[in-house]
Amino acid sequence: MTTTASTFEVTPAAERRPSFARLTLVEARKLVDTRAGRWLLITIGLITAAVVTLQLVYVPDAEQTFVNFFLSSLFPVGLLLPVLGILSITSEWSQRTASTTFALVPRRERVIAAKLAALVVAALASLLASLALAAVGTLVAGATGGAGTWRIEGMLILHAAVFQVANVLLGAGFGLLLLHTPLAIVTYLVLPIAWSIVGGLVRPLHRTAEWLDTGRTMEPLFGTEMTAGQWGRLGVSLLVWLAVPLLAGLVRTMRREVA
């Protein structure tokens, strides 16, 4: 009887456990529920639209092509997506909702995994938005005397997806590691830039910078072809700047007391 009773006690709890898909949906909704997250997404959309508009006004007609509109729209999005990644992680602690979140889902690693999955979805959604705005720009260019060329390599879109997903996860890694919004944002913006400057100025570090400077290792993603060596350097740089902070931050989050 004891075994039977125990089974009936555990089964309802197991049934109430939210699925990973549901957790991801909840975390995706959190990205737009906060004022900071909502305005950041709006800002990303407005800046991207402004970039396309400026190209239509100032770029020579021959360069008003789908691929150029698309590539130009990736830069502002790639710059701001890491901030979204940071906010997704640190908002739980800055708004003191971590106690509620981890009380509802005691396995913290599931919450973190759902946050990362939601961020990947957001990055891919931003890619679709860039494609849509590039299409609008190309249509307008074709109607106003621009080149209006639609040709684009599928590999370039794949590279763009890698670029945006890596950027948003870079921010999430810093957020997990530091768990403090201003500190994580400043560290993310300053540390890689400082390393890039030092790596470029100090001659003995030139070779190392080729492998650890994400500004350099991500640059080939804006082309249609990447060599094995370029993929290798990208992988090493992301291991240092993305994987290590994510793993260290996960350990810290798992151990941190929720006040």
C-alpha atoms as a PDB file:
ATOM      1  CA  MET A   1       0.000   0.000   0.000  1.00  0.00           C
ATOM      2  CA  THR A   2       2.868   2.325   0.771  1.00  0.00           C
ATOM      3  CA  THR A   3       4.273   1.882  -2.729  1.00  0.00           C
ATOM      4  CA  THR A   4       0.883   2.504  -4.311  1.00  0.00           C
ATOM      5  CA  ALA A   5       0.283   5.627  -2.260  1.00  0.00           C
ATOM      6  CA  SER A   6       3.726   6.941  -3.116  1.00  0.00           C
ATOM      7  CA  THR A   7       3.060   6.405  -6.808  1.00  0.00           C
ATOM      8  CA  PHE A   8      -0.196   8.340  -6.665  1.00  0.00           C
ATOM      9  CA  GLU A   9       1.505  11.160  -4.824  1.00  0.00           C
ATOM     10  CA  VAL A  10       4.293  11.545  -7.393  1.00  0.00           C
ATOM     11  CA  THR A  11       2.262  11.189 -10.570  1.00  0.00           C
ATOM     12  CA  PRO A  12       0.275  14.472 -10.291  1.00  0.00           C
ATOM     13  CA  ALA A  13       3.492  16.407  -9.616  1.00  0.00           C
ATOM     14  CA  ALA A  14       5.101  14.863 -12.665  1.00  0.00           C
ATOM     15  CA  GLU A  15       2.076  15.803 -14.734  1.00  0.00           C
ATOM     16  CA  ARG A  16       2.301  19.410 -13.537  1.00  0.00           C
ATOM     17  CA  ARG A  17       5.908  19.686 -14.631  1.00  0.00           C
ATOM     18  CA  PRO A  18       5.942  22.153 -17.572  1.00  0.00           C
ATOM     19  CA  SER A  19       7.335  20.883 -20.840  1.00  0.00           C
ATOM     20  CA  PHE A  20      10.487  22.405 -22.273  1.00  0.00           C
ATOM     21  CA  ALA A  21       8.470  23.882 -25.149  1.00  0.00           C
ATOM     22  CA  ARG A  22       6.182  25.623 -22.671  1.00  0.00           C
ATOM     23  CA  LEU A  23       9.137  26.940 -20.681  1.00  0.00           C
ATOM     24  CA  THR A  24      10.682  28.278 -23.880  1.00  0.00           C
ATOM     25  CA  LEU A  25       7.414  29.999 -24.788  1.00  0.00           C
ATOM     26  CA  VAL A  26       7.264  31.591 -21.332  1.00  0.00           C
ATOM     27  CA  GLU A  27      10.846  32.821 -21.610  1.00  0.00           C
ATOM     28  CA  ALA A  28      10.178  34.175 -25.103  1.00  0.00           C
ATOM     29  CA  ARG A  29       7.207  36.109 -23.734  1.00  0.00           C
ATOM     30  CA  LYS A  30       9.413  37.525 -20.977  1.00  0.00           C
ATOM     31  CA  LEU A  31      11.603  39.124 -23.642  1.00  0.00           C
ATOM     32  CA  VAL A  32       8.794  41.534 -24.492  1.00  0.00           C
ATOM     33  CA  ASP A  33       7.046  41.708 -21.107  1.00  0.00           C
ATOM     34  CA  THR A  34       9.652  43.969 -19.508  1.00  0.00           C
ATOM     35  CA  ARG A  35       9.870  47.604 -20.541  1.00  0.00           C
ATOM     36  CA  ALA A  36      13.605  47.363 -21.260  1.00  0.00           C
ATOM     37  CA  GLY A  37      13.243  44.253 -23.410  1.00  0.00           C
ATOM     38  CA  ARG A  38      10.254  45.631 -25.302  1.00  0.00           C
ATOM     39  CA  TRP A  39      11.955  48.930 -26.121  1.00  0.00           C
ATOM     40  CA  LEU A  40      15.163  47.191 -27.071  1.00  0.00           C
ATOM     41  CA  LEU A  41      13.302  45.076 -29.632  1.00  0.00           C
ATOM     42  CA  ILE A  42      11.508  48.173 -30.935  1.00  0.00           C
ATOM     43  CA  THR A  43      14.845  49.990 -31.184  1.00  0.00           C
ATOM     44  CA  ILE A  44      16.390  47.106 -33.116  1.00  0.00           C
ATOM     45  CA  GLY A  45      13.505  47.202 -35.602  1.00  0.00           C
ATOM     46  CA  LEU A  46      13.636  50.985 -36.021  1.00  0.00           C
ATOM     47  CA  ILE A  47      17.422  51.090 -36.495  1.00  0.00           C
ATOM     48  CA  THR A  48      17.287  48.284 -39.052  1.00  0.00           C
ATOM     49  CA  ALA A  49      14.544  50.077 -40.978  1.00  0.00           C
ATOM     50  CA  ALA A  50      16.550  53.313 -40.788  1.00  0.00           C
ATOM     51  CA  VAL A  51      19.630  51.598 -42.230  1.00  0.00           C
ATOM     52  CA  VAL A  52      17.651  50.335 -45.217  1.00  0.00           C
ATOM     53  CA  THR A  53      16.089  53.775 -45.710  1.00  0.00           C
ATOM     54  CA  LEU A  54      19.473  55.491 -45.649  1.00  0.00           C
ATOM     55  CA  GLN A  55      20.733  53.071 -48.266  1.00  0.00           C
ATOM     56  CA  LEU A  56      17.807  53.932 -50.519  1.00  0.00           C
ATOM     57  CA  VAL A  57      18.588  57.641 -50.174  1.00  0.00           C
ATOM     58  CA  TYR A  58      22.381  57.778 -50.238  1.00  0.00           C
ATOM     59  CA  VAL A  59      23.780  54.560 -51.714  1.00  0.00           C
ATOM     60  CA  PRO A  60      24.441  54.523 -55.490  1.00  0.00           C
ATOM     61  CA  ASP A  61      21.693  52.871 -57.522  1.00  0.00           C
ATOM     62  CA  ALA A  62      23.941  50.019 -58.646  1.00  0.00           C
ATOM     63  CA  GLU A  63      24.522  48.985 -55.014  1.00  0.00           C
ATOM     64  CA  GLN A  64      20.860  48.939 -54.049  1.00  0.00           C
ATOM     65  CA  THR A  65      20.533  45.161 -54.125  1.00  0.00           C
ATOM     66  CA  PHE A  66      18.856  42.612 -51.898  1.00  0.00           C
ATOM     67  CA  VAL A  67      22.155  41.229 -50.621  1.00  0.00           C
ATOM     68  CA  ASN A  68      23.495  44.689 -49.726  1.00  0.00           C
ATOM     69  CA  PHE A  69      20.305  45.668 -47.919  1.00  0.00           C
ATOM     70  CA  PHE A  70      20.413  42.363 -46.033  1.00  0.00           C
ATOM     71  CA  LEU A  71      24.086  42.555 -45.018  1.00  0.00           C
ATOM     72  CA  SER A  72      23.804  46.155 -43.841  1.00  0.00           C
ATOM     73  CA  SER A  73      20.812  45.318 -41.656  1.00  0.00           C
ATOM     74  CA  LEU A  74      22.771  42.615 -39.814  1.00  0.00           C
ATOM     75  CA  PHE A  75      25.232  44.987 -38.126  1.00  0.00           C
ATOM     76  CA  PRO A  76      22.870  47.016 -35.882  1.00  0.00           C
ATOM     77  CA  VAL A  77      20.936  43.879 -34.975  1.00  0.00           C
ATOM     78  CA  GLY A  78      24.145  42.009 -34.173  1.00  0.00           C
ATOM     79  CA  LEU A  79      25.254  44.894 -31.954  1.00  0.00           C
ATOM     80  CA  LEU A  80      22.050  44.987 -29.881  1.00  0.00           C
ATOM     81  CA  LEU A  81      21.107  41.308 -29.710  1.00  0.00           C
ATOM     82  CA  PRO A  82      23.772  40.590 -27.050  1.00  0.00           C
ATOM     83  CA  VAL A  83      22.134  43.227 -24.831  1.00  0.00           C
ATOM     84  CA  LEU A  84      18.864  41.321 -25.214  1.00  0.00           C
ATOM     85  CA  GLY A  85      20.697  38.151 -24.191  1.00  0.00           C
ATOM     86  CA  ILE A  86      22.058  39.871 -21.095  1.00  0.00           C
ATOM     87  CA  LEU A  87      18.664  41.286 -20.107  1.00  0.00           C
ATOM     88  CA  SER A  88      17.012  37.891 -20.511  1.00  0.00           C
ATOM     89  CA  ILE A  89      19.339  36.410 -17.893  1.00  0.00           C
ATOM     90  CA  THR A  90      19.926  39.259 -15.466  1.00  0.00           C
ATOM     91  CA  SER A  91      16.340  40.535 -15.299  1.00  0.00           C
ATOM     92  CA  GLU A  92      15.426  37.572 -13.076  1.00  0.00           C
ATOM     93  CA  TRP A  93      17.817  38.926 -10.453  1.00  0.00           C
ATOM     94  CA  SER A  94      17.440  42.676 -10.989  1.00  0.00           C
ATOM     95  CA  GLN A  95      13.636  42.433 -10.786  1.00  0.00           C
ATOM     96  CA  ARG A  96      13.806  39.822  -8.013  1.00  0.00           C
ATOM     97  CA  THR A  97      11.674  37.296  -9.844  1.00  0.00           C
ATOM     98  CA  ALA A  98      14.277  34.531  -9.548  1.00  0.00           C
ATOM     99  CA  SER A  99      12.709  33.186  -6.349  1.00  0.00           C
ATOM    100  CA  THR A 100       9.345  32.781  -8.082  1.00  0.00           C
ATOM    101  CA  THR A 101      10.836  31.312 -11.260  1.00  0.00           C
ATOM    102  CA  PHE A 102      13.002  28.763  -9.470  1.00  0.00           C
ATOM    103  CA  ALA A 103      10.208  27.899  -7.049  1.00  0.00           C
ATOM    104  CA  LEU A 104       7.938  27.003  -9.977  1.00  0.00           C
ATOM    105  CA  VAL A 105      10.755  25.188 -11.807  1.00  0.00           C
ATOM    106  CA  PRO A 106      13.254  23.964  -9.187  1.00  0.00           C
ATOM    107  CA  ARG A 107      15.626  22.528 -11.789  1.00  0.00           C
ATOM    108  CA  ARG A 108      17.426  25.719 -12.688  1.00  0.00           C
ATOM    109  CA  GLU A 109      19.220  24.199 -15.654  1.00  0.00           C
ATOM    110  CA  ARG A 110      15.855  23.743 -17.386  1.00  0.00           C
ATOM    111  CA  VAL A 111      15.064  27.426 -16.929  1.00  0.00           C
ATOM    112  CA  ILE A 112      18.463  28.476 -18.282  1.00  0.00           C
ATOM    113  CA  ALA A 113      18.149  26.111 -21.249  1.00  0.00           C
ATOM    114  CA  ALA A 114      14.688  27.528 -22.008  1.00  0.00           C
ATOM    115  CA  LYS A 115      16.063  31.081 -21.855  1.00  0.00           C
ATOM    116  CA  LEU A 116      18.831  30.185 -24.295  1.00  0.00           C
ATOM    117  CA  ALA A 117      16.354  28.475 -26.622  1.00  0.00           C
ATOM    118  CA  ALA A 118      14.102  31.554 -26.548  1.00  0.00           C
ATOM    119  CA  LEU A 119      17.089  33.757 -27.385  1.00  0.00           C
ATOM    120  CA  VAL A 120      18.007  31.537 -30.339  1.00  0.00           C
ATOM    121  CA  VAL A 121      14.427  31.841 -31.599  1.00  0.00           C
ATOM    122  CA  ALA A 122      14.630  35.633 -31.180  1.00  0.00           C
ATOM    123  CA  ALA A 123      17.898  35.734 -33.134  1.00  0.00           C
ATOM    124  CA  LEU A 124      16.399  33.696 -35.970  1.00  0.00           C
ATOM    125  CA  ALA A 125      13.301  35.913 -35.920  1.00  0.00           C
ATOM    126  CA  SER A 126      15.563  38.956 -36.284  1.00  0.00           C
ATOM    127  CA  LEU A 127      17.129  37.270 -39.305  1.00  0.00           C
ATOM    128  CA  LEU A 128      13.702  36.875 -40.887  1.00  0.00           C
ATOM    129  CA  ALA A 129      12.987  40.532 -40.125  1.00  0.00           C
ATOM    130  CA  SER A 130      16.233  41.534 -41.847  1.00  0.00           C
ATOM    131  CA  LEU A 131      15.256  39.482 -44.882  1.00  0.00           C
ATOM    132  CA  ALA A 132      11.805  41.105 -44.944  1.00  0.00           C
ATOM    133  CA  LEU A 133      13.209  44.632 -44.691  1.00  0.00           C
ATOM    134  CA  ALA A 134      15.783  43.825 -47.361  1.00  0.00           C
ATOM    135  CA  ALA A 135      12.936  42.647 -49.599  1.00  0.00           C
ATOM    136  CA  VAL A 136      11.042  45.890 -49.022  1.00  0.00           C
ATOM    137  CA  GLY A 137      14.182  47.889 -49.779  1.00  0.00           C
ATOM    138  CA  THR A 138      14.761  45.926 -52.980  1.00  0.00           C
ATOM    139  CA  LEU A 139      11.182  46.507 -54.128  1.00  0.00           C
ATOM    140  CA  VAL A 140      11.465  50.241 -53.485  1.00  0.00           C
ATOM    141  CA  ALA A 141      14.867  50.353 -55.197  1.00  0.00           C
ATOM    142  CA  GLY A 142      13.478  48.600 -58.263  1.00  0.00           C
ATOM    143  CA  ALA A 143      10.609  51.073 -58.455  1.00  0.00           C
ATOM    144  CA  THR A 144      12.786  54.169 -58.031  1.00  0.00           C
ATOM    145  CA  GLY A 145      15.617  53.391 -60.421  1.00  0.00           C
ATOM    146  CA  GLY A 146      17.909  51.328 -58.205  1.00  0.00           C
ATOM    147  CA  ALA A 147      19.403  47.995 -59.223  1.00  0.00           C
ATOM    148  CA  GLY A 148      16.737  46.010 -57.382  1.00  0.00           C
ATOM    149  CA  THR A 149      18.692  42.775 -57.847  1.00  0.00           C
ATOM    150  CA  TRP A 150      17.311  39.829 -55.842  1.00  0.00           C
ATOM    151  CA  ARG A 151      20.144  37.312 -56.150  1.00  0.00           C
ATOM    152  CA  ILE A 152      21.564  36.013 -52.846  1.00  0.00           C
ATOM    153  CA  GLU A 153      23.499  32.870 -51.924  1.00  0.00           C
ATOM    154  CA  GLY A 154      21.812  30.499 -49.504  1.00  0.00           C
ATOM    155  CA  MET A 155      25.130  29.990 -47.686  1.00  0.00           C
ATOM    156  CA  LEU A 156      25.194  33.697 -46.856  1.00  0.00           C
ATOM    157  CA  ILE A 157      21.857  33.363 -45.051  1.00  0.00           C
ATOM    158  CA  LEU A 158      23.226  30.395 -43.104  1.00  0.00           C
ATOM    159  CA  HIS A 159      26.309  32.409 -42.142  1.00  0.00           C
ATOM    160  CA  ALA A 160      24.062  35.283 -41.034  1.00  0.00           C
ATOM    161  CA  ALA A 161      22.106  32.888 -38.823  1.00  0.00           C
ATOM    162  CA  VAL A 162      25.338  31.719 -37.191  1.00  0.00           C
ATOM    163  CA  PHE A 163      26.372  35.354 -36.699  1.00  0.00           C
ATOM    164  CA  GLN A 164      23.145  36.427 -34.980  1.00  0.00           C
ATOM    165  CA  VAL A 165      22.768  33.301 -32.833  1.00  0.00           C
ATOM    166  CA  ALA A 166      26.387  33.566 -31.693  1.00  0.00           C
ATOM    167  CA  ASN A 167      25.923  37.250 -30.823  1.00  0.00           C
ATOM    168  CA  VAL A 168      22.849  36.743 -28.676  1.00  0.00           C
ATOM    169  CA  LEU A 169      24.434  33.790 -26.875  1.00  0.00           C
ATOM    170  CA  LEU A 170      27.598  35.815 -26.260  1.00  0.00           C
ATOM    171  CA  GLY A 171      25.466  38.301 -24.345  1.00  0.00           C
ATOM    172  CA  ALA A 172      23.689  35.527 -22.466  1.00  0.00           C
ATOM    173  CA  GLY A 173      27.046  34.091 -21.413  1.00  0.00           C
ATOM    174  CA  PHE A 174      28.172  37.398 -19.904  1.00  0.00           C
ATOM    175  CA  GLY A 175      24.783  37.779 -18.231  1.00  0.00           C
ATOM    176  CA  LEU A 176      25.014  34.327 -16.656  1.00  0.00           C
ATOM    177  CA  LEU A 177      28.572  34.893 -15.513  1.00  0.00           C
ATOM    178  CA  LEU A 178      27.972  38.279 -13.859  1.00  0.00           C
ATOM    179  CA  LEU A 179      24.203  38.233 -13.037  1.00  0.00           C
ATOM    180  CA  HIS A 180      24.197  42.044 -12.957  1.00  0.00           C
ATOM    181  CA  THR A 181      22.760  44.023 -15.872  1.00  0.00           C
ATOM    182  CA  PRO A 182      24.956  47.174 -16.015  1.00  0.00           C
ATOM    183  CA  LEU A 183      28.136  45.253 -15.180  1.00  0.00           C
ATOM    184  CA  ALA A 184      27.408  42.575 -17.787  1.00  0.00           C
ATOM    185  CA  ILE A 185      26.632  45.130 -20.525  1.00  0.00           C
ATOM    186  CA  VAL A 186      29.737  47.231 -19.812  1.00  0.00           C
ATOM    187  CA  THR A 187      31.970  44.155 -19.574  1.00  0.00           C
ATOM    188  CA  TYR A 188      30.597  42.720 -22.816  1.00  0.00           C
ATOM    189  CA  LEU A 189      31.145  45.999 -24.665  1.00  0.00           C
ATOM    190  CA  VAL A 190      34.535  46.907 -23.186  1.00  0.00           C
ATOM    191  CA  LEU A 191      36.406  43.617 -22.769  1.00  0.00           C
ATOM    192  CA  PRO A 192      36.275  42.317 -26.386  1.00  0.00           C
ATOM    193  CA  ILE A 193      37.027  45.797 -27.757  1.00  0.00           C
ATOM    194  CA  ALA A 194      39.975  46.193 -25.383  1.00  0.00           C
ATOM    195  CA  TRP A 195      41.290  42.783 -26.380  1.00  0.00           C
ATOM    196  CA  SER A 196      40.893  43.651 -30.065  1.00  0.00           C
ATOM    197  CA  ILE A 197      42.895  46.852 -29.609  1.00  0.00           C
ATOM    198  CA  VAL A 198      45.637  45.160 -27.586  1.00  0.00           C
ATOM    199  CA  GLY A 199      45.802  42.242 -30.014  1.00  0.00           C
ATOM    200  CA  GLY A 200      46.179  44.644 -32.913  1.00  0.00           C
ATOM    201  CA  LEU A 201      48.836  46.846 -31.289  1.00  0.00           C
ATOM    202  CA  VAL A 202      51.034  44.338 -29.485  1.00  0.00           C
ATOM    203  CA  ARG A 203      53.015  42.431 -32.109  1.00  0.00           C
ATOM    204  CA  PRO A 204      53.535  39.193 -30.083  1.00  0.00           C
ATOM    205  CA  LEU A 205      49.737  38.927 -29.721  1.00  0.00           C
ATOM    206  CA  HIS A 206      48.936  39.273 -33.425  1.00  0.00           C
ATOM    207  CA  ARG A 207      48.822  35.510 -33.978  1.00  0.00           C
ATOM    208  CA  THR A 208      46.732  34.926 -30.854  1.00  0.00           C
ATOM    209  CA  ALA A 209      44.300  37.668 -31.828  1.00  0.00           C
ATOM    210  CA  GLU A 210      43.606  35.879 -35.103  1.00  0.00           C
ATOM    211  CA  TRP A 211      42.119  33.047 -33.036  1.00  0.00           C
ATOM    212  CA  LEU A 212      40.557  34.915 -30.114  1.00  0.00           C
ATOM    213  CA  ASP A 213      39.290  38.206 -31.565  1.00  0.00           C
ATOM    214  CA  THR A 214      35.630  37.586 -32.448  1.00  0.00           C
ATOM    215  CA  GLY A 215      35.631  40.736 -34.576  1.00  0.00           C
ATOM    216  CA  ARG A 216      38.134  39.035 -36.865  1.00  0.00           C
ATOM    217  CA  THR A 217      36.858  35.476 -36.652  1.00  0.00           C
ATOM    218  CA  MET A 218      33.262  36.481 -37.441  1.00  0.00           C
ATOM    219  CA  GLU A 219      34.183  38.680 -40.392  1.00  0.00           C
ATOM    220  CA  PRO A 220      34.304  35.783 -42.916  1.00  0.00           C
ATOM    221  CA  LEU A 221      30.648  35.040 -42.101  1.00  0.00           C
ATOM    222  CA  PHE A 222      29.720  37.956 -44.343  1.00  0.00           C
ATOM    223  CA  GLY A 223      30.997  36.059 -47.349  1.00  0.00           C
ATOM    224  CA  THR A 224      29.550  33.045 -49.130  1.00  0.00           C
ATOM    225  CA  GLU A 225      32.504  30.736 -48.501  1.00  0.00           C
ATOM    226  CA  MET A 226      34.549  29.918 -45.400  1.00  0.00           C
ATOM    227  CA  THR A 227      37.607  27.711 -45.250  1.00  0.00           C
ATOM    228  CA  ALA A 228      38.188  25.024 -42.644  1.00  0.00           C
ATOM    229  CA  GLY A 229      40.773  27.266 -41.023  1.00  0.00           C
ATOM    230  CA  GLN A 230      38.294  30.138 -40.739  1.00  0.00           C
ATOM    231  CA  TRP A 231      35.686  27.843 -39.170  1.00  0.00           C
ATOM    232  CA  GLY A 232      38.374  26.589 -36.781  1.00  0.00           C
ATOM    233  CA  ARG A 233      39.325  30.100 -35.671  1.00  0.00           C
ATOM    234  CA  LEU A 234      35.660  31.011 -35.251  1.00  0.00           C
ATOM    235  CA  GLY A 235      35.108  27.897 -33.142  1.00  0.00           C
ATOM    236  CA  VAL A 236      38.082  28.652 -30.875  1.00  0.00           C
ATOM    237  CA  SER A 237      37.030  32.269 -30.338  1.00  0.00           C
ATOM    238  CA  LEU A 238      33.462  31.230 -29.505  1.00  0.00           C
ATOM    239  CA  LEU A 239      34.773  28.570 -27.146  1.00  0.00           C
ATOM    240  CA  VAL A 240      36.616  31.257 -25.174  1.00  0.00           C
ATOM    241  CA  TRP A 241      34.073  34.089 -25.324  1.00  0.00           C
ATOM    242  CA  LEU A 242      30.817  32.085 -25.435  1.00  0.00           C
ATOM    243  CA  ALA A 243      31.136  28.525 -24.128  1.00  0.00           C
ATOM    244  CA  VAL A 244      33.377  29.274 -21.135  1.00  0.00           C
ATOM    245  CA  PRO A 245      31.204  32.139 -19.761  1.00  0.00           C
ATOM    246  CA  LEU A 246      28.060  30.080 -20.349  1.00  0.00           C
ATOM    247  CA  LEU A 247      29.379  27.051 -18.460  1.00  0.00           C
ATOM    248  CA  ALA A 248      30.908  29.118 -15.649  1.00  0.00           C
ATOM    249  CA  GLY A 249      27.731  31.186 -15.410  1.00  0.00           C
ATOM    250  CA  LEU A 250      25.572  28.072 -15.282  1.00  0.00           C
ATOM    251  CA  VAL A 251      27.624  26.743 -12.367  1.00  0.00           C
ATOM    252  CA  ARG A 252      27.310  30.081 -10.587  1.00  0.00           C
ATOM    253  CA  THR A 253      23.555  30.262 -11.167  1.00  0.00           C
ATOM    254  CA  MET A 254      23.077  26.716  -9.905  1.00  0.00           C
ATOM    255  CA  ARG A 255      24.936  27.526  -6.675  1.00  0.00           C
ATOM    256  CA  ARG A 256      23.716  31.054  -5.985  1.00  0.00           C
ATOM    257  CA  GLU A 257      21.241  31.531  -3.184  1.00  0.00           C
ATOM    258  CA  VAL A 258      17.954  33.149  -4.119  1.00  0.00           C
ATOM    259  CA  ALA A 259      17.204  35.863  -1.595  1.00  0.00           C
END
